[in-house]
Amino acid sequence: MQVERLCSPTGQPVLGPLLITPRRFEDQRGFFYESWNQRHFAEALVADGQPAPEAFVQDNQSRSSQGVLRGLHYQLPPHPQGKLVRCVVGEIVDVAVDLRRSSATFGQWVGACLSAANHQQLWVPVGFAHGFLTLSPQADVLYKSTEFWSRTCERSLRWDDPALAIAWPPQPEEAGQPLLADKDACAPLLAELKAADALFP
């Protein structure tokens, strides 16, 4: 598999998130690829200077129509989550925002187009908020998580916070604004989360 570190819009490499492209074998019958290999994944993280997660404990799947935006979500300790995300139907723009206050790239974001056609995956480690926007008529997104969901630890960050300046793809004129869950539409800004000490060290 091929592993790529991503850069923020300023061109600065962001330590943590990785774009993973699996090796695909294709012939007249169709294709085959390893969507998950624990050994190769751990080797990729260690090569990037990151600790490999002990285990993934939960697999999640969502289906979204075009224009749906899910996020930006994260979990604080004692149940912080790392996520390995892929899109198996359709296409999404997947985004990770650095919420580590001690990081040189705090408040910066990286993004990638994940689709059923490119088979790419985005590793979103602990310390980042995660969200995605559906570009296709329908998208099925799968992600592995290093921790179980926790209502008390879950937090949301405003998707359109001007301080983040995330370059979400424009919606078709007839679609208007992205379709959001209530909790995402009223999520706090980064400055508010910082004041509430609801970020990572």
N, C-alpha and C. Protein backbone atom coordinates (compact mmCIF):
# COMPACT_ATOMS: atom_id res chain seq x y z
N MET A 1 0.83 -1.19 0.00
CA MET A 1 0.00 0.00 0.00
C MET A 1 0.87 1.24 0.00
N GLN A 2 0.31 2.33 -0.48
CA GLN A 2 1.02 3.60 -0.53
C GLN A 2 0.49 4.49 0.58
N VAL A 3 1.39 5.17 1.29
CA VAL A 3 1.00 6.02 2.42
C VAL A 3 1.54 7.42 2.18
N GLU A 4 0.68 8.42 2.39
CA GLU A 4 1.04 9.81 2.11
C GLU A 4 0.65 10.70 3.28
N ARG A 5 1.60 11.51 3.75
CA ARG A 5 1.27 12.51 4.75
C ARG A 5 0.64 13.71 4.04
N LEU A 6 -0.37 14.29 4.66
CA LEU A 6 -1.10 15.38 4.04
C LEU A 6 -0.61 16.74 4.56
N CYS A 7 -0.86 17.77 3.76
CA CYS A 7 -0.48 19.13 4.12
C CYS A 7 -1.73 19.98 4.30
N SER A 8 -1.62 20.99 5.14
CA SER A 8 -2.69 21.97 5.31
C SER A 8 -2.70 22.88 4.09
N PRO A 9 -3.74 23.71 3.93
CA PRO A 9 -3.78 24.63 2.79
C PRO A 9 -2.60 25.59 2.72
N THR A 10 -1.91 25.79 3.86
CA THR A 10 -0.72 26.65 3.85
C THR A 10 0.50 25.92 3.31
N GLY A 11 0.36 24.63 3.05
CA GLY A 11 1.48 23.84 2.55
C GLY A 11 2.30 23.17 3.64
N GLN A 12 1.89 23.34 4.88
CA GLN A 12 2.63 22.77 6.01
C GLN A 12 2.19 21.33 6.25
N PRO A 13 3.13 20.38 6.27
CA PRO A 13 2.75 19.00 6.58
C PRO A 13 2.15 18.89 7.98
N VAL A 14 1.09 18.12 8.10
CA VAL A 14 0.41 17.94 9.38
C VAL A 14 0.71 16.53 9.88
N LEU A 15 1.40 16.45 11.01
CA LEU A 15 1.76 15.15 11.56
C LEU A 15 0.52 14.48 12.14
N GLY A 16 0.24 13.27 11.68
CA GLY A 16 -0.88 12.50 12.21
C GLY A 16 -1.72 11.88 11.11
N PRO A 17 -2.56 12.66 10.43
CA PRO A 17 -3.40 12.06 9.38
C PRO A 17 -2.57 11.50 8.24
N LEU A 18 -3.02 10.36 7.71
CA LEU A 18 -2.34 9.72 6.59
C LEU A 18 -3.37 9.29 5.56
N LEU A 19 -3.03 9.51 4.29
CA LEU A 19 -3.87 9.03 3.19
C LEU A 19 -3.29 7.70 2.72
N ILE A 20 -4.10 6.67 2.74
CA ILE A 20 -3.65 5.31 2.44
C ILE A 20 -4.30 4.84 1.15
N THR A 21 -3.48 4.42 0.20
CA THR A 21 -3.97 3.88 -1.07
C THR A 21 -3.57 2.42 -1.16
N PRO A 22 -4.53 1.50 -1.14
CA PRO A 22 -4.18 0.07 -1.18
C PRO A 22 -3.73 -0.35 -2.57
N ARG A 23 -2.99 -1.43 -2.62
CA ARG A 23 -2.59 -2.02 -3.90
C ARG A 23 -3.75 -2.87 -4.41
N ARG A 24 -4.20 -2.57 -5.62
CA ARG A 24 -5.37 -3.24 -6.17
C ARG A 24 -4.97 -4.18 -7.30
N PHE A 25 -5.57 -5.36 -7.32
CA PHE A 25 -5.34 -6.34 -8.38
C PHE A 25 -6.62 -6.45 -9.19
N GLU A 26 -6.52 -6.22 -10.49
CA GLU A 26 -7.72 -6.14 -11.33
C GLU A 26 -7.53 -6.94 -12.60
N ASP A 27 -8.58 -7.64 -13.03
CA ASP A 27 -8.60 -8.33 -14.31
C ASP A 27 -10.03 -8.35 -14.83
N GLN A 28 -10.31 -9.18 -15.82
CA GLN A 28 -11.64 -9.18 -16.44
C GLN A 28 -12.74 -9.62 -15.48
N ARG A 29 -12.37 -10.27 -14.38
CA ARG A 29 -13.38 -10.72 -13.41
C ARG A 29 -13.80 -9.61 -12.45
N GLY A 30 -12.95 -8.60 -12.29
CA GLY A 30 -13.21 -7.54 -11.32
C GLY A 30 -11.90 -7.14 -10.64
N PHE A 31 -11.93 -6.91 -9.33
CA PHE A 31 -10.71 -6.52 -8.62
C PHE A 31 -10.70 -7.12 -7.23
N PHE A 32 -9.50 -7.06 -6.62
CA PHE A 32 -9.29 -7.50 -5.24
C PHE A 32 -8.27 -6.59 -4.61
N TYR A 33 -8.48 -6.26 -3.33
CA TYR A 33 -7.45 -5.55 -2.56
C TYR A 33 -7.68 -5.79 -1.08
N GLU A 34 -6.63 -5.64 -0.30
CA GLU A 34 -6.73 -5.74 1.15
C GLU A 34 -7.22 -4.40 1.68
N SER A 35 -8.42 -4.37 2.23
CA SER A 35 -8.93 -3.12 2.79
C SER A 35 -8.39 -2.88 4.20
N TRP A 36 -7.88 -3.92 4.84
CA TRP A 36 -7.34 -3.77 6.20
C TRP A 36 -6.30 -4.84 6.44
N ASN A 37 -5.10 -4.42 6.86
CA ASN A 37 -4.03 -5.34 7.22
C ASN A 37 -3.34 -4.73 8.44
N GLN A 38 -3.52 -5.36 9.58
CA GLN A 38 -3.03 -4.80 10.84
C GLN A 38 -1.51 -4.57 10.81
N ARG A 39 -0.78 -5.53 10.29
CA ARG A 39 0.68 -5.42 10.28
C ARG A 39 1.14 -4.25 9.41
N HIS A 40 0.59 -4.15 8.20
CA HIS A 40 1.00 -3.07 7.30
C HIS A 40 0.59 -1.70 7.84
N PHE A 41 -0.58 -1.63 8.46
CA PHE A 41 -1.03 -0.36 9.03
C PHE A 41 -0.12 0.07 10.17
N ALA A 42 0.22 -0.86 11.06
CA ALA A 42 1.10 -0.53 12.17
C ALA A 42 2.48 -0.10 11.67
N GLU A 43 2.98 -0.76 10.66
CA GLU A 43 4.29 -0.39 10.10
C GLU A 43 4.25 1.01 9.50
N ALA A 44 3.14 1.37 8.87
CA ALA A 44 3.01 2.70 8.27
C ALA A 44 3.00 3.78 9.34
N LEU A 45 2.30 3.54 10.44
CA LEU A 45 2.26 4.54 11.51
C LEU A 45 3.62 4.70 12.16
N VAL A 46 4.28 3.60 12.45
CA VAL A 46 5.60 3.66 13.09
C VAL A 46 6.60 4.37 12.17
N ALA A 47 6.53 4.10 10.87
CA ALA A 47 7.42 4.77 9.91
C ALA A 47 7.17 6.27 9.88
N ASP A 48 5.94 6.68 10.21
CA ASP A 48 5.59 8.11 10.22
C ASP A 48 5.87 8.75 11.59
N GLY A 49 6.38 7.95 12.52
CA GLY A 49 6.69 8.48 13.84
C GLY A 49 5.52 8.47 14.80
N GLN A 50 4.50 7.68 14.52
CA GLN A 50 3.32 7.60 15.37
C GLN A 50 3.26 6.24 16.06
N PRO A 51 2.66 6.20 17.24
CA PRO A 51 2.42 4.89 17.86
C PRO A 51 1.27 4.18 17.14
N ALA A 52 1.41 2.89 16.97
CA ALA A 52 0.32 2.11 16.38
C ALA A 52 -0.77 1.90 17.41
N PRO A 53 -2.05 2.03 17.04
CA PRO A 53 -3.13 1.79 18.01
C PRO A 53 -3.13 0.34 18.46
N GLU A 54 -3.52 0.11 19.70
CA GLU A 54 -3.55 -1.24 20.22
C GLU A 54 -4.54 -2.11 19.45
N ALA A 55 -5.69 -1.54 19.11
CA ALA A 55 -6.70 -2.30 18.39
C ALA A 55 -7.80 -1.36 17.93
N PHE A 56 -8.52 -1.80 16.91
CA PHE A 56 -9.79 -1.16 16.56
C PHE A 56 -10.88 -1.97 17.26
N VAL A 57 -11.82 -1.27 17.89
CA VAL A 57 -12.82 -1.96 18.70
C VAL A 57 -14.22 -1.87 18.12
N GLN A 58 -14.40 -1.04 17.08
CA GLN A 58 -15.75 -0.83 16.58
C GLN A 58 -15.69 -0.46 15.10
N ASP A 59 -16.58 -1.03 14.29
CA ASP A 59 -16.75 -0.65 12.88
C ASP A 59 -18.09 0.06 12.74
N ASN A 60 -18.10 1.19 12.03
CA ASN A 60 -19.32 1.97 11.83
C ASN A 60 -19.58 2.16 10.35
N GLN A 61 -20.84 2.29 9.98
CA GLN A 61 -21.22 2.55 8.59
C GLN A 61 -22.33 3.59 8.57
N SER A 62 -22.21 4.53 7.64
CA SER A 62 -23.28 5.51 7.45
C SER A 62 -23.63 5.59 5.97
N ARG A 63 -24.87 5.95 5.69
CA ARG A 63 -25.31 6.23 4.32
C ARG A 63 -25.83 7.66 4.30
N SER A 64 -25.36 8.43 3.34
CA SER A 64 -25.72 9.85 3.26
C SER A 64 -26.08 10.21 1.83
N SER A 65 -27.05 11.10 1.69
CA SER A 65 -27.41 11.61 0.37
C SER A 65 -26.54 12.82 0.04
N GLN A 66 -26.60 13.25 -1.20
CA GLN A 66 -25.77 14.35 -1.66
C GLN A 66 -26.07 15.62 -0.85
N GLY A 67 -25.00 16.28 -0.45
CA GLY A 67 -25.14 17.51 0.31
C GLY A 67 -25.17 17.34 1.81
N VAL A 68 -25.19 16.10 2.29
CA VAL A 68 -25.14 15.86 3.73
C VAL A 68 -23.72 16.09 4.24
N LEU A 69 -23.60 16.84 5.31
CA LEU A 69 -22.31 17.07 5.96
C LEU A 69 -22.40 16.52 7.38
N ARG A 70 -21.52 15.60 7.69
CA ARG A 70 -21.46 14.99 9.03
C ARG A 70 -20.17 15.46 9.71
N GLY A 71 -20.31 16.10 10.86
CA GLY A 71 -19.12 16.56 11.57
C GLY A 71 -19.25 18.04 11.91
N LEU A 72 -18.21 18.50 12.53
CA LEU A 72 -16.92 17.85 12.80
C LEU A 72 -16.97 17.24 14.20
N HIS A 73 -16.62 15.96 14.33
CA HIS A 73 -16.78 15.22 15.58
C HIS A 73 -15.44 14.75 16.13
N TYR A 74 -15.39 14.64 17.47
CA TYR A 74 -14.23 14.04 18.13
C TYR A 74 -14.64 13.62 19.53
N GLN A 75 -13.79 12.81 20.17
CA GLN A 75 -14.01 12.40 21.55
C GLN A 75 -12.80 12.74 22.40
N LEU A 76 -13.08 13.30 23.57
CA LEU A 76 -12.03 13.66 24.52
C LEU A 76 -11.67 12.46 25.39
N PRO A 77 -10.49 12.49 26.05
CA PRO A 77 -10.17 11.46 27.04
C PRO A 77 -11.24 11.46 28.14
N PRO A 78 -11.51 10.31 28.74
CA PRO A 78 -10.71 9.08 28.68
C PRO A 78 -11.06 8.13 27.52
N HIS A 79 -11.87 8.57 26.57
CA HIS A 79 -12.24 7.70 25.46
C HIS A 79 -12.00 8.38 24.11
N PRO A 80 -10.78 8.85 23.85
CA PRO A 80 -10.52 9.49 22.56
C PRO A 80 -10.49 8.46 21.43
N GLN A 81 -10.93 8.88 20.26
CA GLN A 81 -11.03 7.95 19.13
C GLN A 81 -10.06 8.32 18.01
N GLY A 82 -9.40 7.28 17.48
CA GLY A 82 -8.76 7.37 16.18
C GLY A 82 -9.67 6.65 15.19
N LYS A 83 -9.72 7.14 13.94
CA LYS A 83 -10.64 6.57 12.95
C LYS A 83 -9.90 6.31 11.65
N LEU A 84 -10.21 5.18 11.04
CA LEU A 84 -9.73 4.84 9.70
C LEU A 84 -10.95 4.82 8.79
N VAL A 85 -11.02 5.79 7.88
CA VAL A 85 -12.26 6.07 7.14
C VAL A 85 -12.10 5.71 5.67
N ARG A 86 -13.15 5.11 5.08
CA ARG A 86 -13.18 4.86 3.64
C ARG A 86 -14.61 4.97 3.13
N CYS A 87 -14.75 5.19 1.85
CA CYS A 87 -16.04 5.34 1.20
C CYS A 87 -16.19 4.20 0.20
N VAL A 88 -17.21 3.37 0.36
CA VAL A 88 -17.37 2.18 -0.48
C VAL A 88 -18.46 2.34 -1.54
N VAL A 89 -19.28 3.38 -1.40
CA VAL A 89 -20.27 3.74 -2.43
C VAL A 89 -20.23 5.25 -2.58
N GLY A 90 -20.06 5.74 -3.82
CA GLY A 90 -20.09 7.16 -4.05
C GLY A 90 -18.78 7.86 -3.75
N GLU A 91 -18.87 9.13 -3.35
CA GLU A 91 -17.68 9.97 -3.14
C GLU A 91 -17.94 11.00 -2.07
N ILE A 92 -16.93 11.24 -1.23
CA ILE A 92 -17.01 12.25 -0.18
C ILE A 92 -15.72 13.07 -0.16
N VAL A 93 -15.81 14.25 0.44
CA VAL A 93 -14.62 14.99 0.86
C VAL A 93 -14.49 14.78 2.35
N ASP A 94 -13.38 14.20 2.78
CA ASP A 94 -13.15 13.86 4.18
C ASP A 94 -12.14 14.85 4.76
N VAL A 95 -12.41 15.34 5.97
CA VAL A 95 -11.61 16.41 6.57
C VAL A 95 -11.23 16.05 8.00
N ALA A 96 -9.99 16.40 8.36
CA ALA A 96 -9.51 16.25 9.73
C ALA A 96 -8.92 17.58 10.19
N VAL A 97 -9.28 18.01 11.41
CA VAL A 97 -8.83 19.29 11.96
C VAL A 97 -7.99 19.03 13.20
N ASP A 98 -6.81 19.62 13.24
CA ASP A 98 -5.88 19.43 14.35
C ASP A 98 -6.36 20.22 15.57
N LEU A 99 -6.70 19.50 16.64
CA LEU A 99 -7.18 20.12 17.88
C LEU A 99 -6.19 19.94 19.03
N ARG A 100 -4.94 19.66 18.70
CA ARG A 100 -3.89 19.51 19.72
C ARG A 100 -3.28 20.87 19.98
N ARG A 101 -3.52 21.43 21.17
CA ARG A 101 -3.08 22.79 21.46
C ARG A 101 -1.56 22.95 21.40
N SER A 102 -0.83 21.87 21.65
CA SER A 102 0.64 21.95 21.63
C SER A 102 1.21 21.75 20.23
N SER A 103 0.35 21.48 19.25
CA SER A 103 0.82 21.17 17.90
C SER A 103 1.15 22.45 17.13
N ALA A 104 2.17 22.36 16.29
CA ALA A 104 2.54 23.49 15.42
C ALA A 104 1.48 23.77 14.39
N THR A 105 0.58 22.79 14.15
CA THR A 105 -0.48 22.96 13.16
C THR A 105 -1.86 23.02 13.82
N PHE A 106 -1.91 23.44 15.07
CA PHE A 106 -3.18 23.55 15.79
C PHE A 106 -4.15 24.43 15.00
N GLY A 107 -5.39 23.94 14.83
CA GLY A 107 -6.41 24.69 14.13
C GLY A 107 -6.36 24.58 12.62
N GLN A 108 -5.37 23.86 12.10
CA GLN A 108 -5.29 23.68 10.66
C GLN A 108 -5.96 22.36 10.26
N TRP A 109 -6.29 22.23 8.98
CA TRP A 109 -7.04 21.08 8.52
C TRP A 109 -6.39 20.46 7.29
N VAL A 110 -6.70 19.20 7.08
CA VAL A 110 -6.31 18.49 5.86
C VAL A 110 -7.55 17.80 5.33
N GLY A 111 -7.55 17.51 4.03
CA GLY A 111 -8.71 16.86 3.44
C GLY A 111 -8.33 16.00 2.27
N ALA A 112 -9.21 15.09 1.92
CA ALA A 112 -8.98 14.20 0.78
C ALA A 112 -10.32 13.74 0.24
N CYS A 113 -10.37 13.48 -1.07
CA CYS A 113 -11.55 12.88 -1.68
C CYS A 113 -11.42 11.37 -1.55
N LEU A 114 -12.38 10.76 -0.88
CA LEU A 114 -12.43 9.31 -0.75
C LEU A 114 -13.61 8.81 -1.57
N SER A 115 -13.40 7.74 -2.33
CA SER A 115 -14.48 7.27 -3.19
C SER A 115 -14.42 5.77 -3.39
N ALA A 116 -15.52 5.23 -3.92
CA ALA A 116 -15.55 3.82 -4.27
C ALA A 116 -14.61 3.53 -5.42
N ALA A 117 -14.27 4.55 -6.19
CA ALA A 117 -13.38 4.36 -7.35
C ALA A 117 -11.91 4.36 -6.95
N ASN A 118 -11.50 5.22 -6.00
CA ASN A 118 -10.07 5.28 -5.68
C ASN A 118 -9.67 4.40 -4.50
N HIS A 119 -10.65 3.91 -3.71
CA HIS A 119 -10.41 2.97 -2.60
C HIS A 119 -9.48 3.55 -1.52
N GLN A 120 -9.27 4.84 -1.51
CA GLN A 120 -8.36 5.42 -0.53
C GLN A 120 -9.02 5.49 0.85
N GLN A 121 -8.16 5.54 1.87
CA GLN A 121 -8.62 5.63 3.26
C GLN A 121 -7.88 6.76 3.95
N LEU A 122 -8.55 7.41 4.88
CA LEU A 122 -7.92 8.47 5.66
C LEU A 122 -7.81 8.03 7.11
N TRP A 123 -6.59 8.05 7.62
CA TRP A 123 -6.36 7.78 9.04
C TRP A 123 -6.47 9.11 9.77
N VAL A 124 -7.43 9.18 10.72
CA VAL A 124 -7.66 10.37 11.53
C VAL A 124 -7.30 10.00 12.97
N PRO A 125 -6.11 10.37 13.44
CA PRO A 125 -5.68 9.93 14.77
C PRO A 125 -6.35 10.70 15.89
N VAL A 126 -6.13 10.23 17.11
CA VAL A 126 -6.59 10.95 18.30
C VAL A 126 -6.01 12.36 18.26
N GLY A 127 -6.83 13.33 18.65
CA GLY A 127 -6.38 14.73 18.65
C GLY A 127 -6.94 15.53 17.50
N PHE A 128 -7.73 14.88 16.64
CA PHE A 128 -8.31 15.54 15.47
C PHE A 128 -9.83 15.41 15.47
N ALA A 129 -10.49 16.47 15.00
CA ALA A 129 -11.92 16.38 14.69
C ALA A 129 -12.07 15.88 13.27
N HIS A 130 -13.17 15.19 13.02
CA HIS A 130 -13.38 14.56 11.71
C HIS A 130 -14.77 14.88 11.18
N GLY A 131 -14.86 15.07 9.86
CA GLY A 131 -16.15 15.25 9.22
C GLY A 131 -16.04 15.03 7.73
N PHE A 132 -17.19 14.87 7.08
CA PHE A 132 -17.17 14.70 5.62
C PHE A 132 -18.42 15.27 4.99
N LEU A 133 -18.29 15.62 3.70
CA LEU A 133 -19.38 16.13 2.89
C LEU A 133 -19.60 15.17 1.73
N THR A 134 -20.86 14.79 1.51
CA THR A 134 -21.19 13.86 0.43
C THR A 134 -21.29 14.60 -0.90
N LEU A 135 -20.53 14.11 -1.91
CA LEU A 135 -20.50 14.74 -3.23
C LEU A 135 -21.39 14.02 -4.23
N SER A 136 -21.61 12.74 -4.03
CA SER A 136 -22.36 11.90 -4.98
C SER A 136 -23.82 11.80 -4.54
N PRO A 137 -24.70 11.29 -5.41
CA PRO A 137 -26.11 11.14 -5.02
C PRO A 137 -26.30 10.33 -3.74
N GLN A 138 -25.40 9.41 -3.49
CA GLN A 138 -25.43 8.61 -2.26
C GLN A 138 -24.00 8.20 -1.93
N ALA A 139 -23.69 8.11 -0.65
CA ALA A 139 -22.37 7.66 -0.23
C ALA A 139 -22.50 6.77 0.99
N ASP A 140 -21.84 5.62 0.94
CA ASP A 140 -21.73 4.73 2.10
C ASP A 140 -20.31 4.84 2.63
N VAL A 141 -20.20 5.24 3.89
CA VAL A 141 -18.90 5.46 4.52
C VAL A 141 -18.72 4.46 5.65
N LEU A 142 -17.58 3.80 5.67
CA LEU A 142 -17.22 2.86 6.72
C LEU A 142 -16.02 3.41 7.47
N TYR A 143 -16.02 3.25 8.78
CA TYR A 143 -14.79 3.60 9.51
C TYR A 143 -14.61 2.72 10.73
N LYS A 144 -13.34 2.41 10.94
CA LYS A 144 -12.92 1.65 12.10
C LYS A 144 -12.54 2.64 13.20
N SER A 145 -12.83 2.31 14.44
CA SER A 145 -12.57 3.21 15.55
C SER A 145 -11.74 2.51 16.63
N THR A 146 -10.84 3.29 17.24
CA THR A 146 -9.97 2.72 18.28
C THR A 146 -10.63 2.74 19.66
N GLU A 147 -11.77 3.40 19.78
CA GLU A 147 -12.49 3.45 21.06
C GLU A 147 -13.98 3.36 20.80
N PHE A 148 -14.71 2.90 21.81
CA PHE A 148 -16.16 2.86 21.71
C PHE A 148 -16.72 4.27 21.80
N TRP A 149 -17.89 4.46 21.20
CA TRP A 149 -18.56 5.75 21.29
C TRP A 149 -18.92 6.05 22.73
N SER A 150 -18.71 7.31 23.13
CA SER A 150 -19.02 7.73 24.50
C SER A 150 -19.80 9.04 24.45
N ARG A 151 -21.02 9.02 24.93
CA ARG A 151 -21.85 10.23 24.93
C ARG A 151 -21.20 11.35 25.74
N THR A 152 -20.57 11.00 26.86
CA THR A 152 -20.01 12.02 27.75
C THR A 152 -18.72 12.62 27.19
N CYS A 153 -18.03 11.89 26.32
CA CYS A 153 -16.76 12.38 25.77
C CYS A 153 -16.91 13.00 24.39
N GLU A 154 -18.03 12.75 23.71
CA GLU A 154 -18.22 13.23 22.35
C GLU A 154 -18.36 14.75 22.33
N ARG A 155 -17.73 15.39 21.34
CA ARG A 155 -17.83 16.82 21.13
C ARG A 155 -17.98 17.11 19.64
N SER A 156 -18.52 18.29 19.32
CA SER A 156 -18.65 18.73 17.94
C SER A 156 -18.01 20.10 17.79
N LEU A 157 -17.48 20.35 16.61
CA LEU A 157 -16.85 21.62 16.24
C LEU A 157 -17.58 22.15 15.01
N ARG A 158 -17.83 23.46 14.98
CA ARG A 158 -18.60 24.06 13.90
C ARG A 158 -17.91 23.85 12.55
N TRP A 159 -18.65 23.32 11.60
CA TRP A 159 -18.12 22.97 10.29
C TRP A 159 -17.68 24.18 9.48
N ASP A 160 -18.33 25.34 9.74
CA ASP A 160 -18.05 26.54 8.96
C ASP A 160 -17.38 27.63 9.80
N ASP A 161 -16.67 27.22 10.84
CA ASP A 161 -15.95 28.18 11.68
C ASP A 161 -15.00 29.00 10.81
N PRO A 162 -15.13 30.33 10.79
CA PRO A 162 -14.23 31.15 9.96
C PRO A 162 -12.76 30.99 10.34
N ALA A 163 -12.49 30.65 11.60
CA ALA A 163 -11.10 30.47 12.02
C ALA A 163 -10.46 29.25 11.36
N LEU A 164 -11.28 28.27 10.98
CA LEU A 164 -10.77 27.07 10.31
C LEU A 164 -10.65 27.29 8.81
N ALA A 165 -11.61 28.01 8.24
CA ALA A 165 -11.63 28.31 6.79
C ALA A 165 -11.50 27.04 5.96
N ILE A 166 -12.30 26.02 6.29
CA ILE A 166 -12.28 24.78 5.53
C ILE A 166 -12.88 25.03 4.14
N ALA A 167 -12.18 24.59 3.12
CA ALA A 167 -12.62 24.81 1.74
C ALA A 167 -13.54 23.68 1.30
N TRP A 168 -14.74 23.62 1.89
CA TRP A 168 -15.72 22.62 1.47
C TRP A 168 -16.10 22.89 0.01
N PRO A 169 -16.26 21.85 -0.80
CA PRO A 169 -16.70 22.07 -2.19
C PRO A 169 -18.06 22.76 -2.22
N PRO A 170 -18.26 23.67 -3.17
CA PRO A 170 -19.54 24.36 -3.25
C PRO A 170 -20.67 23.40 -3.59
N GLN A 171 -21.85 23.68 -3.05
CA GLN A 171 -23.03 22.87 -3.32
C GLN A 171 -23.72 23.36 -4.60
N PRO A 172 -24.42 22.45 -5.29
CA PRO A 172 -25.22 22.92 -6.42
C PRO A 172 -26.18 24.01 -5.96
N GLU A 173 -26.44 24.96 -6.84
CA GLU A 173 -27.25 26.13 -6.46
C GLU A 173 -28.60 25.73 -5.88
N GLU A 174 -29.20 24.67 -6.43
CA GLU A 174 -30.52 24.27 -5.95
C GLU A 174 -30.45 23.59 -4.58
N ALA A 175 -29.25 23.12 -4.19
CA ALA A 175 -29.11 22.41 -2.92
C ALA A 175 -29.00 23.37 -1.74
N GLY A 176 -28.44 24.55 -1.98
CA GLY A 176 -28.26 25.50 -0.90
C GLY A 176 -27.18 25.05 0.07
N GLN A 177 -27.39 25.27 1.36
CA GLN A 177 -26.43 24.91 2.39
C GLN A 177 -26.39 23.39 2.59
N PRO A 178 -25.28 22.86 3.11
CA PRO A 178 -25.23 21.42 3.43
C PRO A 178 -26.33 21.03 4.42
N LEU A 179 -26.74 19.78 4.36
CA LEU A 179 -27.74 19.26 5.28
C LEU A 179 -27.03 18.75 6.53
N LEU A 180 -27.41 19.28 7.69
CA LEU A 180 -26.71 19.02 8.94
C LEU A 180 -27.64 18.45 9.99
N ALA A 181 -27.07 17.65 10.90
CA ALA A 181 -27.80 17.28 12.11
C ALA A 181 -27.90 18.52 13.00
N ASP A 182 -28.90 18.55 13.87
CA ASP A 182 -29.09 19.71 14.74
C ASP A 182 -27.85 20.00 15.58
N LYS A 183 -27.23 18.95 16.11
CA LYS A 183 -26.07 19.16 16.98
C LYS A 183 -24.89 19.74 16.21
N ASP A 184 -24.80 19.44 14.92
CA ASP A 184 -23.71 19.98 14.11
C ASP A 184 -23.98 21.41 13.68
N ALA A 185 -25.26 21.72 13.43
CA ALA A 185 -25.62 23.07 13.01
C ALA A 185 -25.35 24.09 14.10
N CYS A 186 -25.45 23.68 15.36
CA CYS A 186 -25.25 24.62 16.47
C CYS A 186 -23.97 24.31 17.26
N ALA A 187 -23.05 23.60 16.66
CA ALA A 187 -21.80 23.24 17.34
C ALA A 187 -20.98 24.49 17.67
N PRO A 188 -20.20 24.47 18.73
CA PRO A 188 -19.41 25.64 19.11
C PRO A 188 -18.23 25.88 18.16
N LEU A 189 -17.73 27.10 18.20
CA LEU A 189 -16.54 27.48 17.44
C LEU A 189 -15.29 26.99 18.16
N LEU A 190 -14.18 26.98 17.43
CA LEU A 190 -12.91 26.55 18.02
C LEU A 190 -12.55 27.41 19.22
N ALA A 191 -12.75 28.71 19.14
CA ALA A 191 -12.41 29.60 20.26
C ALA A 191 -13.24 29.27 21.49
N GLU A 192 -14.50 28.90 21.28
CA GLU A 192 -15.36 28.55 22.40
C GLU A 192 -14.93 27.23 23.04
N LEU A 193 -14.53 26.28 22.22
CA LEU A 193 -14.05 25.00 22.76
C LEU A 193 -12.74 25.19 23.51
N LYS A 194 -11.90 26.07 23.00
CA LYS A 194 -10.63 26.35 23.69
C LYS A 194 -10.90 27.00 25.05
N ALA A 195 -11.82 27.95 25.11
CA ALA A 195 -12.16 28.61 26.37
C ALA A 195 -12.76 27.64 27.37
N ALA A 196 -13.47 26.62 26.85
CA ALA A 196 -14.10 25.63 27.73
C ALA A 196 -13.16 24.49 28.07
N ASP A 197 -11.92 24.56 27.62
CA ASP A 197 -10.92 23.50 27.83
C ASP A 197 -11.44 22.16 27.31
N ALA A 198 -12.04 22.20 26.10
CA ALA A 198 -12.61 21.01 25.49
C ALA A 198 -11.81 20.58 24.26
N LEU A 199 -10.48 20.73 24.37
CA LEU A 199 -9.58 20.34 23.28
C LEU A 199 -8.53 19.39 23.85
N PHE A 200 -7.55 19.06 23.02
CA PHE A 200 -6.49 18.14 23.44
C PHE A 200 -5.25 18.92 23.86
N PRO A 201 -4.43 18.34 24.73
CA PRO A 201 -3.20 19.04 25.17
C PRO A 201 -2.28 19.39 24.00
